[in-house]
Protein backbone atom coordinates (compact mmCIF):
# COMPACT_ATOMS: atom_id res chain seq x y z
CA MET A 1 13.87 11.93 11.06
CA LYS A 2 12.06 10.93 7.88
CA ASN A 3 8.70 12.46 7.00
CA ILE A 4 6.41 9.87 5.40
CA VAL A 5 3.29 10.65 3.38
CA SER A 6 0.76 7.91 2.62
CA TRP A 7 -0.81 7.81 -0.83
CA THR A 8 -3.84 5.86 -2.02
CA GLN A 9 -5.41 6.33 -5.45
CA THR A 10 -8.81 5.10 -6.61
CA TYR A 11 -10.27 4.95 -10.10
CA GLY A 12 -13.47 5.40 -12.07
CA SER A 13 -16.98 4.92 -10.70
CA ASN A 14 -17.10 1.31 -9.48
CA ARG A 15 -14.65 1.09 -6.58
CA LEU A 16 -16.34 3.09 -3.81
CA ILE A 17 -16.59 0.00 -1.58
CA ASN A 18 -12.81 0.06 -1.22
CA LEU A 19 -13.11 3.43 0.51
CA GLN A 20 -16.18 2.39 2.48
CA LEU A 21 -14.18 -0.52 3.90
CA LEU A 22 -11.68 1.92 5.37
CA GLU A 23 -14.07 2.50 8.25
CA TYR A 24 -13.27 -1.03 9.44
CA ASP A 25 -9.61 -1.19 8.42
CA VAL A 26 -7.87 -0.71 11.76
CA ILE A 27 -4.47 -1.74 10.39
CA GLY A 28 -4.68 0.40 7.26
CA ASN A 29 -5.81 3.45 9.20
CA TYR A 30 -3.22 2.94 11.91
CA LEU A 31 -0.45 2.93 9.30
CA ARG A 32 -1.80 6.00 7.52
CA ASN A 33 -2.09 7.88 10.80
CA LYS A 34 1.58 7.18 11.51
CA CYS A 35 2.37 9.31 8.44
CA LYS A 36 2.76 13.08 8.40
CA TYR A 37 0.17 13.49 5.64
CA ILE A 38 -2.52 11.26 4.16
CA ILE A 39 -3.16 11.72 0.43
CA PHE A 40 -6.08 10.20 -1.45
CA SER A 41 -6.28 10.84 -5.17
CA PHE A 42 -9.13 10.17 -7.60
CA HIS A 43 -8.24 9.18 -11.16
CA ASN A 44 -11.04 9.77 -13.68
CA CYS A 45 -13.68 9.53 -10.94
CA PRO A 46 -17.05 11.23 -11.48
CA ASP A 47 -17.90 14.07 -9.11
CA TYR A 48 -20.48 12.09 -7.15
CA ILE A 49 -17.84 9.47 -6.27
CA TYR A 50 -15.48 12.24 -5.22
CA GLN A 51 -18.14 13.87 -3.04
CA LYS A 52 -19.12 10.57 -1.38
CA SER A 53 -15.45 9.84 -0.77
CA ILE A 54 -14.92 13.21 0.89
CA GLU A 55 -17.71 12.39 3.34
CA ILE A 56 -16.11 9.03 4.19
CA LEU A 57 -12.53 10.26 4.51
CA LYS A 58 -13.25 13.37 6.57
CA LYS A 59 -14.89 11.16 9.19
CA LEU A 60 -11.81 8.95 9.40
CA TYR A 61 -8.80 11.25 9.24
CA ASN A 62 -7.65 14.51 10.77
CA GLU A 63 -8.32 17.32 8.30
CA ASP A 64 -4.89 18.81 9.06
CA LYS A 65 -3.34 15.64 7.60
CA LEU A 66 -5.83 14.79 4.87
CA ILE A 67 -5.15 15.89 1.28
CA LEU A 68 -7.57 15.09 -1.56
CA ILE A 69 -6.57 15.42 -5.22
CA GLN A 70 -8.45 14.83 -8.48
CA PHE A 71 -6.69 13.65 -11.64
CA ASN A 72 -8.62 13.58 -14.91
CA ASN A 73 -7.57 12.85 -18.48
CA CYS A 74 -4.03 11.86 -17.63
CA SER A 75 -2.08 8.61 -17.26
CA TYR A 76 -1.19 6.69 -14.11
CA LEU A 77 2.43 7.73 -14.70
CA GLN A 78 1.50 11.40 -14.69
CA CYS A 79 -0.57 10.89 -11.53
CA TYR A 80 2.41 9.42 -9.69
CA ARG A 81 4.77 12.10 -10.97
CA ASN A 82 2.36 14.76 -9.73
CA ILE A 83 2.20 13.04 -6.34
CA ILE A 84 6.01 13.23 -6.17
CA ILE A 85 5.84 16.97 -6.81
CA LYS A 86 3.20 17.37 -4.11
CA CYS A 87 5.20 15.35 -1.58
CA LYS A 88 8.26 17.50 -2.16
CA GLU A 89 6.18 20.62 -1.64
CA LEU A 90 5.13 19.11 1.70
CA ASN A 91 8.81 18.49 2.61
CA CYS A 92 8.21 14.74 2.83
CA THR A 93 11.10 12.34 2.32
CA ASP A 94 9.27 9.03 1.77
CA ILE A 95 6.03 7.71 0.30
CA CYS A 96 3.91 4.88 1.72
CA GLN A 97 1.89 3.61 -1.23
CA ILE A 98 -1.25 1.63 -0.43
CA GLN A 99 -3.42 0.78 -3.44
CA ASP A 100 -7.15 1.27 -2.89
CA ASP A 101 -7.78 -2.50 -2.96
CA GLN A 102 -5.01 -3.29 -0.48
CA HIS A 103 -6.48 -3.67 2.98
CA GLY A 104 -4.95 -4.38 6.33
CA ILE A 105 -5.15 -7.91 7.71
CA ASN A 106 -7.45 -7.03 10.59
CA SER A 107 -6.92 -10.22 12.55
CA ASN A 108 -7.14 -10.29 16.32
CA GLU A 109 -3.41 -10.93 16.40
CA ASN A 110 -2.59 -7.80 14.41
CA ILE A 111 -5.14 -5.54 16.08
CA ASN A 112 -4.06 -6.61 19.56
CA ASN A 113 -0.41 -6.00 18.70
CA LEU A 114 -0.38 -2.57 17.09
CA LYS A 115 2.97 -2.00 18.75
CA ASN A 116 4.44 -4.16 15.99
CA LEU A 117 3.46 -1.47 13.48
CA ASP A 118 4.93 1.18 15.76
CA ASP A 119 8.22 -0.71 15.82
CA ILE A 120 8.25 -1.20 12.04
CA ILE A 121 7.54 2.45 11.22
CA GLN A 122 9.85 3.84 13.90
CA THR A 123 12.69 1.62 12.67
CA TYR A 124 12.11 2.83 9.11
CA LYS A 125 12.10 6.46 10.22
CA ILE A 126 15.33 6.39 12.21
CA ASN A 127 17.38 4.05 10.01
CA ASN A 128 18.80 5.93 7.03
CA ASN A 129 19.96 2.69 5.44
CA ILE A 130 16.37 1.53 4.92
CA GLU A 131 15.03 3.22 1.79
CA TYR A 132 12.56 0.62 0.50
CA LEU A 133 10.38 -1.42 2.86
CA HIS A 134 7.85 -3.90 1.50
CA ILE A 135 4.98 -4.78 3.87
CA PHE A 136 2.76 -6.87 1.63
CA GLY A 137 1.71 -10.47 2.15
CA GLU A 138 4.28 -13.08 3.12
CA GLN A 139 6.74 -12.20 0.38
CA SER A 140 9.43 -10.98 2.74
CA LYS A 141 9.66 -14.03 4.95
CA PRO A 142 12.96 -15.92 4.58
CA ARG A 143 12.97 -19.24 2.73
CA PRO A 144 15.66 -21.61 1.41
CA ASN A 145 16.25 -19.56 -1.75
CA LEU A 146 15.69 -16.18 -0.10
CA ILE A 147 18.12 -15.54 2.71
CA PRO A 148 18.41 -12.09 4.33
CA ILE A 149 21.68 -10.21 4.17
CA ASP A 150 20.91 -8.83 7.62
CA THR A 151 18.14 -8.98 10.22
CA ILE A 152 17.07 -6.23 12.62
CA LYS A 153 15.15 -7.43 15.69
CA ILE A 154 12.86 -5.11 17.65
CA ASN A 155 10.71 -6.79 20.30
CA ASN A 156 8.45 -9.19 18.32
CA VAL A 157 9.35 -7.73 14.93
CA GLU A 158 12.07 -8.87 12.57
CA ILE A 159 13.06 -6.67 9.64
CA TYR A 160 15.01 -8.38 6.87
CA LYS A 161 17.39 -6.87 4.35
CA TYR A 162 17.54 -8.50 0.90
CA ASP A 163 19.33 -8.05 -2.38
CA THR A 164 16.44 -7.57 -4.82
CA ARG A 165 18.11 -9.86 -7.37
CA ASP A 166 17.46 -12.82 -5.08
CA PHE A 167 13.67 -12.64 -5.33
CA LYS A 168 13.52 -14.10 -8.83
CA LYS A 169 14.97 -17.35 -7.43
CA CYS A 170 11.64 -17.77 -5.62
CA ASN A 171 9.47 -16.53 -8.47
CA ILE A 172 8.60 -13.41 -6.48
CA TYR A 173 8.49 -10.01 -8.13
CA ALA A 174 11.51 -8.04 -6.85
CA TRP A 175 9.31 -4.99 -7.37
CA ASN A 176 5.55 -5.06 -7.18
CA ASP A 177 2.84 -2.59 -6.27
CA GLY A 178 2.03 -4.29 -2.99
CA THR A 179 2.08 -1.95 0.02
CA TYR A 180 5.51 -0.37 0.40
CA ILE A 181 7.37 2.64 1.77
CA ILE A 182 10.11 4.12 -0.38
CA ASN A 183 12.50 7.05 -0.41
CA ILE A 184 11.04 9.78 -2.59
CA ASN A 185 14.27 10.29 -4.55
CA ILE A 186 14.45 6.60 -5.51
CA ILE A 187 10.88 6.43 -6.79
CA GLU A 188 11.29 9.78 -8.56
CA GLU A 189 14.36 8.52 -10.41
CA LEU A 190 12.47 5.38 -11.47
CA LEU A 191 9.43 7.34 -12.66
CA PHE A 192 11.54 9.55 -14.91
CA ILE A 193 13.31 6.74 -16.76
CA LYS A 194 13.44 7.52 -20.47
CA ASN A 195 10.60 5.97 -22.51
CA ILE A 196 8.86 4.62 -19.41
CA PRO A 197 5.34 3.26 -20.18
CA SER A 198 2.38 5.18 -18.82
CA ASP A 199 0.12 2.46 -17.35
CA VAL A 200 0.50 0.82 -13.95
CA TRP A 201 0.91 -2.77 -15.22
CA ARG A 202 3.76 -2.12 -17.63
CA ILE A 203 5.46 0.21 -15.15
CA GLU A 204 5.38 -2.60 -12.58
CA LEU A 205 6.97 -5.01 -15.08
CA LEU A 206 9.64 -2.47 -16.02
CA PHE A 207 10.57 -1.88 -12.39
CA LYS A 208 10.54 -5.62 -11.73
CA ASN A 209 13.04 -6.13 -14.52
CA ILE A 210 15.28 -3.40 -13.13
CA PHE A 211 15.15 -4.77 -9.58
CA ASP A 212 15.68 -8.33 -10.86
CA ASN A 213 18.90 -7.37 -12.58
CA MET A 214 20.41 -4.50 -10.59
CA GLN A 215 21.31 -4.50 -6.94
CA PHE A 216 18.84 -2.64 -4.78
CA TYR A 217 18.17 -3.33 -1.14
CA ARG A 218 14.62 -4.25 -0.27
CA TYR A 219 13.58 -4.66 3.36
CA GLY A 220 10.66 -6.68 4.65
CA THR A 221 9.20 -7.96 7.89
CA ASN A 222 8.02 -11.17 9.49
CA LYS A 223 4.55 -9.68 10.07
CA VAL A 224 1.75 -10.17 7.51
CA LEU A 225 -0.03 -6.82 7.50
CA PHE A 226 -1.51 -6.14 4.04
CA LYS A 227 -2.84 -8.05 1.07
CA ALA A 228 -4.89 -7.15 -2.01
CA SER A 229 -8.53 -8.06 -2.55
CA ASN A 230 -8.46 -7.44 -6.33
CA LEU A 231 -12.22 -6.98 -6.37
CA PHE A 232 -12.01 -4.92 -9.56
CA GLY A 233 -9.79 -4.26 -12.54
CA LYS A 234 -7.44 -6.23 -14.73
CA ASN A 235 -6.33 -8.61 -11.96
CA ILE A 236 -9.79 -9.30 -10.57
CA ASN A 237 -9.93 -12.29 -8.20
CA LYS A 238 -12.36 -14.84 -9.67
CA LYS A 239 -11.26 -17.74 -7.48
CA VAL A 240 -13.47 -16.89 -4.51
CA SER A 241 -16.68 -14.99 -3.86
CA PRO A 242 -16.39 -11.34 -2.73
CA GLU A 243 -17.55 -12.41 0.74
CA LYS A 244 -14.86 -15.09 1.13
CA ASN A 245 -12.33 -12.71 -0.37
CA LEU A 246 -12.99 -9.94 2.13
CA PHE A 247 -13.30 -12.37 5.05
CA ARG A 248 -9.49 -12.64 4.87
CA PHE A 249 -9.23 -8.98 5.87
CA PHE A 250 -12.25 -8.32 8.08
CA GLY A 251 -13.64 -11.70 9.18
CA GLU A 252 -12.34 -11.39 12.75
CA THR A 253 -13.66 -7.87 13.30
CA LYS A 254 -16.80 -7.23 15.33
CA TYR A 255 -18.37 -5.54 12.29
CA TRP A 256 -18.16 -8.51 9.95
CA ASN A 257 -21.67 -9.86 10.50
CA SER A 258 -23.40 -6.59 11.36
CA HIS A 259 -22.01 -4.27 8.69
CA ILE A 260 -19.44 -5.62 6.25
CA LYS A 261 -21.35 -8.66 4.97
CA ASN A 262 -24.35 -6.45 4.26
CA MET A 263 -22.17 -3.99 2.38
CA ILE A 264 -20.76 -6.81 0.24
CA LYS A 265 -24.21 -8.20 -0.52
CA GLU A 266 -25.49 -4.77 -1.53
CA LYS A 267 -22.51 -4.14 -3.83
CA PHE A 268 -22.35 -7.55 -5.48
CA LYS A 269 -26.02 -8.63 -5.52
């Protein structure tokens, strides 16, 4: 059986709301709790952000699972390499990477059907052929130019197997940093490519180019479980207001009007 560790990294001093939203992220927390360990790392975050984050995370996760790490004055590449080392020390075989601005789609449909997540994770754990599972957005759903090599059906879940070279036909990144689970040896080999860049954006483009042109097998599912808010950073979403943006993730929860909208207003006033 595979041992999966989840990893989420946050940055700087402006992104605390991403961690505050975890209190309401049923889907994100359910996935993390399916993992053997839950790692949160803090890249160049001031101590007060780290301390506030500890308070949030210790209320949400079992302390026997929760691991908190600080990274200062190093690159994103070195952060990820250090996470690989840590995961191997923990005897974990696979990493579930969820960026701090990737939230679960907490729709009534998803929350009322958590068994779908059970089926997805259990299938990943017991199937040694699945070494890279992408669970981000709608990018894994079949379409005319993206036809699965194979389909695994479990109750209401379908898991599709693709040749990564086929994604470029649909103008979809064969590799991107959307929520995924991957075999630790595969990601380790990628992270130690000679002359690899050190920042997250150029690493993503390098891996995309590799997956566009070499045959890897990427699996996906028919369920839409995670998307990115892009509230901060280089890829900030300027098309919609923060409230409309986060409504996509939390608008159907009972806390939307009573808690989350107020949090958004306070942060972005």
